[in-house]
Amino acid sequence: MIVCVAVVGHQNNPLYIQSFTGVDDNDALKLHHIVHCSLDSIDERVNNPKKSGPVLNESFLGLLYPTENYKVYGYLANTKVKFILVTTDLEVRDADVRIFFRKFHEAYVDAVSNPFHVPGKKITSRTFAESVSNVVKSFGLGSTG
């Protein structure tokens, strides 16, 4: 199950964070912390490509790090915008996550292509939020409970 998705700007500023766990503020705070910590893993992979595994001419960064309850995956756009996925499903295939990130990236591109969107600012579009929820639902691992 997808519990959180995030878009983080090139200066590590949060552009969009959505959790799908319900109304518990402690869970949301914990997920925000996990997203923030994952930025270190992304920076490490970007700045030390030889140590980190996958070649960086590819946007998909793979599994950033597992925790006891979650797996955190990353995706880096050409504009250095980072996409983060947090899931409780410990048996996720990389191919499925790649498809998810492509759809998530497409929804992001649609949102920032809006002439009224200010680059670098938080994404507040209801259309984008609905698109993200639909992507999470269609991915089959999430519920927007």
C-alpha atoms as a PDB file:
ATOM      1  CA  MET A   1       0.000   0.000   0.000  1.00  0.00           C
ATOM      2  CA  ILE A   2       1.280   3.449  -0.885  1.00  0.00           C
ATOM      3  CA  VAL A   3       1.282   5.559   2.257  1.00  0.00           C
ATOM      4  CA  CYS A   4       2.932   8.752   0.993  1.00  0.00           C
ATOM      5  CA  VAL A   5       4.068  10.488  -2.185  1.00  0.00           C
ATOM      6  CA  ALA A   6       6.085  13.677  -2.395  1.00  0.00           C
ATOM      7  CA  VAL A   7       7.509  16.128  -4.902  1.00  0.00           C
ATOM      8  CA  VAL A   8      10.577  18.011  -3.715  1.00  0.00           C
ATOM      9  CA  GLY A   9      12.110  20.944  -5.577  1.00  0.00           C
ATOM     10  CA  HIS A  10      15.698  21.221  -6.784  1.00  0.00           C
ATOM     11  CA  GLN A  11      16.602  23.191  -3.642  1.00  0.00           C
ATOM     12  CA  ASN A  12      15.054  20.466  -1.428  1.00  0.00           C
ATOM     13  CA  ASN A  13      11.950  22.539  -0.811  1.00  0.00           C
ATOM     14  CA  PRO A  14       8.741  20.507  -0.518  1.00  0.00           C
ATOM     15  CA  LEU A  15       6.430  21.212  -3.433  1.00  0.00           C
ATOM     16  CA  TYR A  16       3.807  18.579  -2.652  1.00  0.00           C
ATOM     17  CA  ILE A  17       3.415  15.936   0.044  1.00  0.00           C
ATOM     18  CA  GLN A  18       0.370  13.699   0.314  1.00  0.00           C
ATOM     19  CA  SER A  19      -0.098  10.883   2.783  1.00  0.00           C
ATOM     20  CA  PHE A  20      -2.711   8.185   2.340  1.00  0.00           C
ATOM     21  CA  THR A  21      -2.836   6.794   5.878  1.00  0.00           C
ATOM     22  CA  GLY A  22      -5.939   8.509   7.209  1.00  0.00           C
ATOM     23  CA  VAL A  23      -6.228  11.324   9.736  1.00  0.00           C
ATOM     24  CA  ASP A  24      -3.540  10.424  12.310  1.00  0.00           C
ATOM     25  CA  ASP A  25      -1.193  13.415  12.614  1.00  0.00           C
ATOM     26  CA  ASN A  26       1.593  11.262  14.089  1.00  0.00           C
ATOM     27  CA  ASP A  27       1.647   9.107  10.946  1.00  0.00           C
ATOM     28  CA  ALA A  28       1.735  12.175   8.727  1.00  0.00           C
ATOM     29  CA  LEU A  29       4.589  13.665  10.751  1.00  0.00           C
ATOM     30  CA  LYS A  30       6.505  10.387  10.614  1.00  0.00           C
ATOM     31  CA  LEU A  31       6.041  10.198   6.837  1.00  0.00           C
ATOM     32  CA  HIS A  32       7.204  13.792   6.403  1.00  0.00           C
ATOM     33  CA  HIS A  33      10.305  12.870   8.384  1.00  0.00           C
ATOM     34  CA  ILE A  34      10.922   9.803   6.192  1.00  0.00           C
ATOM     35  CA  VAL A  35      10.560  11.928   3.046  1.00  0.00           C
ATOM     36  CA  HIS A  36      12.988  14.488   4.453  1.00  0.00           C
ATOM     37  CA  CYS A  37      15.525  11.793   5.369  1.00  0.00           C
ATOM     38  CA  SER A  38      15.274  10.269   1.897  1.00  0.00           C
ATOM     39  CA  LEU A  39      16.660  13.493   0.434  1.00  0.00           C
ATOM     40  CA  ASP A  40      20.049  12.587   1.933  1.00  0.00           C
ATOM     41  CA  SER A  41      19.964   9.256   0.097  1.00  0.00           C
ATOM     42  CA  ILE A  42      19.094  10.995  -3.166  1.00  0.00           C
ATOM     43  CA  ASP A  43      21.895  13.531  -2.736  1.00  0.00           C
ATOM     44  CA  GLU A  44      24.340  10.735  -1.970  1.00  0.00           C
ATOM     45  CA  ARG A  45      23.392   8.864  -5.140  1.00  0.00           C
ATOM     46  CA  VAL A  46      23.535  11.962  -7.294  1.00  0.00           C
ATOM     47  CA  ASN A  47      26.875  13.166  -5.914  1.00  0.00           C
ATOM     48  CA  ASN A  48      28.570   9.728  -5.707  1.00  0.00           C
ATOM     49  CA  PRO A  49      27.238   7.792  -8.714  1.00  0.00           C
ATOM     50  CA  LYS A  50      29.967   5.131  -8.661  1.00  0.00           C
ATOM     51  CA  LYS A  51      29.114   4.010  -5.124  1.00  0.00           C
ATOM     52  CA  SER A  52      25.369   3.976  -5.469  1.00  0.00           C
ATOM     53  CA  GLY A  53      24.582   1.423  -8.136  1.00  0.00           C
ATOM     54  CA  PRO A  54      22.322   2.511 -11.003  1.00  0.00           C
ATOM     55  CA  VAL A  55      23.637   4.794 -13.701  1.00  0.00           C
ATOM     56  CA  LEU A  56      22.318   8.331 -13.308  1.00  0.00           C
ATOM     57  CA  ASN A  57      21.386   8.865 -16.925  1.00  0.00           C
ATOM     58  CA  GLU A  58      18.236   7.110 -15.781  1.00  0.00           C
ATOM     59  CA  SER A  59      15.645   8.985 -13.717  1.00  0.00           C
ATOM     60  CA  PHE A  60      14.624   6.035 -11.549  1.00  0.00           C
ATOM     61  CA  LEU A  61      16.838   5.902  -8.453  1.00  0.00           C
ATOM     62  CA  GLY A  62      15.371   2.662  -7.127  1.00  0.00           C
ATOM     63  CA  LEU A  63      15.063   1.734  -3.491  1.00  0.00           C
ATOM     64  CA  LEU A  64      16.523   4.585  -1.470  1.00  0.00           C
ATOM     65  CA  TYR A  65      16.316   2.807   1.835  1.00  0.00           C
ATOM     66  CA  PRO A  66      14.112   0.355   3.657  1.00  0.00           C
ATOM     67  CA  THR A  67      12.885   0.872   7.202  1.00  0.00           C
ATOM     68  CA  GLU A  68      11.221  -1.642   9.454  1.00  0.00           C
ATOM     69  CA  ASN A  69       7.749  -0.742   8.171  1.00  0.00           C
ATOM     70  CA  TYR A  70       8.346   1.101   4.901  1.00  0.00           C
ATOM     71  CA  LYS A  71      10.261   1.066   1.656  1.00  0.00           C
ATOM     72  CA  VAL A  72      11.238   4.391   0.143  1.00  0.00           C
ATOM     73  CA  TYR A  73      11.797   4.797  -3.608  1.00  0.00           C
ATOM     74  CA  GLY A  74      13.097   7.786  -5.521  1.00  0.00           C
ATOM     75  CA  TYR A  75      12.940   9.332  -8.969  1.00  0.00           C
ATOM     76  CA  LEU A  76      14.895  12.337 -10.204  1.00  0.00           C
ATOM     77  CA  ALA A  77      13.638  14.484 -13.077  1.00  0.00           C
ATOM     78  CA  ASN A  78      15.970  16.281 -15.486  1.00  0.00           C
ATOM     79  CA  THR A  79      15.114  19.527 -13.694  1.00  0.00           C
ATOM     80  CA  LYS A  80      16.443  18.055 -10.413  1.00  0.00           C
ATOM     81  CA  VAL A  81      12.921  17.775  -9.013  1.00  0.00           C
ATOM     82  CA  LYS A  82      12.690  14.696  -6.812  1.00  0.00           C
ATOM     83  CA  PHE A  83       9.736  12.331  -6.584  1.00  0.00           C
ATOM     84  CA  ILE A  84       9.476  10.102  -3.528  1.00  0.00           C
ATOM     85  CA  LEU A  85       7.245   7.102  -2.891  1.00  0.00           C
ATOM     86  CA  VAL A  86       6.794   5.521   0.539  1.00  0.00           C
ATOM     87  CA  THR A  87       5.087   2.129   0.647  1.00  0.00           C
ATOM     88  CA  THR A  88       4.284  -0.475   3.288  1.00  0.00           C
ATOM     89  CA  ASP A  89       4.302  -3.249   0.694  1.00  0.00           C
ATOM     90  CA  LEU A  90       7.687  -4.906   1.111  1.00  0.00           C
ATOM     91  CA  GLU A  91       7.283  -7.027  -2.056  1.00  0.00           C
ATOM     92  CA  VAL A  92       7.193  -4.320  -4.731  1.00  0.00           C
ATOM     93  CA  ARG A  93       8.701  -4.919  -8.165  1.00  0.00           C
ATOM     94  CA  ASP A  94      10.958  -2.209  -9.554  1.00  0.00           C
ATOM     95  CA  ALA A  95       9.104  -2.363 -12.877  1.00  0.00           C
ATOM     96  CA  ASP A  96       5.837  -1.442 -11.147  1.00  0.00           C
ATOM     97  CA  VAL A  97       7.489   1.424  -9.279  1.00  0.00           C
ATOM     98  CA  ARG A  98       8.986   2.742 -12.530  1.00  0.00           C
ATOM     99  CA  ILE A  99       5.522   2.794 -14.108  1.00  0.00           C
ATOM    100  CA  PHE A 100       4.136   4.587 -11.050  1.00  0.00           C
ATOM    101  CA  PHE A 101       6.851   7.247 -11.205  1.00  0.00           C
ATOM    102  CA  ARG A 102       6.270   7.820 -14.938  1.00  0.00           C
ATOM    103  CA  LYS A 103       2.572   8.461 -14.299  1.00  0.00           C
ATOM    104  CA  PHE A 104       3.344  10.594 -11.244  1.00  0.00           C
ATOM    105  CA  HIS A 105       5.847  12.619 -13.288  1.00  0.00           C
ATOM    106  CA  GLU A 106       3.289  13.096 -16.076  1.00  0.00           C
ATOM    107  CA  ALA A 107       0.763  14.454 -13.550  1.00  0.00           C
ATOM    108  CA  TYR A 108       3.450  16.814 -12.217  1.00  0.00           C
ATOM    109  CA  VAL A 109       4.311  18.055 -15.707  1.00  0.00           C
ATOM    110  CA  ASP A 110       0.637  18.742 -16.377  1.00  0.00           C
ATOM    111  CA  ALA A 111       0.366  20.701 -13.108  1.00  0.00           C
ATOM    112  CA  VAL A 112       3.447  22.871 -13.639  1.00  0.00           C
ATOM    113  CA  SER A 113       2.507  23.501 -17.265  1.00  0.00           C
ATOM    114  CA  ASN A 114      -0.433  25.517 -15.999  1.00  0.00           C
ATOM    115  CA  PRO A 115       0.298  29.166 -16.850  1.00  0.00           C
ATOM    116  CA  PHE A 116      -0.931  30.225 -13.397  1.00  0.00           C
ATOM    117  CA  HIS A 117       1.533  27.984 -11.551  1.00  0.00           C
ATOM    118  CA  VAL A 118       4.532  29.821 -10.107  1.00  0.00           C
ATOM    119  CA  PRO A 119       7.702  27.704 -10.557  1.00  0.00           C
ATOM    120  CA  GLY A 120       9.314  26.671  -7.283  1.00  0.00           C
ATOM    121  CA  LYS A 121       6.145  27.218  -5.226  1.00  0.00           C
ATOM    122  CA  LYS A 122       4.004  24.550  -3.588  1.00  0.00           C
ATOM    123  CA  ILE A 123       1.553  22.814  -5.865  1.00  0.00           C
ATOM    124  CA  THR A 124      -1.933  23.597  -4.585  1.00  0.00           C
ATOM    125  CA  SER A 125      -3.917  22.481  -7.625  1.00  0.00           C
ATOM    126  CA  ARG A 126      -6.925  20.304  -6.823  1.00  0.00           C
ATOM    127  CA  THR A 127      -6.600  18.794 -10.278  1.00  0.00           C
ATOM    128  CA  PHE A 128      -3.051  17.671  -9.470  1.00  0.00           C
ATOM    129  CA  ALA A 129      -4.170  16.212  -6.125  1.00  0.00           C
ATOM    130  CA  GLU A 130      -6.933  14.281  -7.893  1.00  0.00           C
ATOM    131  CA  SER A 131      -4.499  13.070 -10.565  1.00  0.00           C
ATOM    132  CA  VAL A 132      -2.084  11.848  -7.886  1.00  0.00           C
ATOM    133  CA  SER A 133      -4.907  10.061  -6.048  1.00  0.00           C
ATOM    134  CA  ASN A 134      -5.989   8.399  -9.293  1.00  0.00           C
ATOM    135  CA  VAL A 135      -2.419   7.298 -10.042  1.00  0.00           C
ATOM    136  CA  VAL A 136      -2.121   5.835  -6.532  1.00  0.00           C
ATOM    137  CA  LYS A 137      -5.465   4.026  -6.917  1.00  0.00           C
ATOM    138  CA  SER A 138      -4.593   2.702 -10.366  1.00  0.00           C
ATOM    139  CA  PHE A 139      -1.221   1.483  -9.189  1.00  0.00           C
ATOM    140  CA  GLY A 140      -3.014  -1.098  -7.076  1.00  0.00           C
ATOM    141  CA  LEU A 141      -0.846  -0.720  -3.982  1.00  0.00           C
ATOM    142  CA  GLY A 142      -2.623   2.230  -2.487  1.00  0.00           C
ATOM    143  CA  SER A 143      -5.858   3.213  -0.950  1.00  0.00           C
ATOM    144  CA  THR A 144      -6.871   6.795  -0.406  1.00  0.00           C
ATOM    145  CA  GLY A 145      -8.659   5.780   2.769  1.00  0.00           C
END
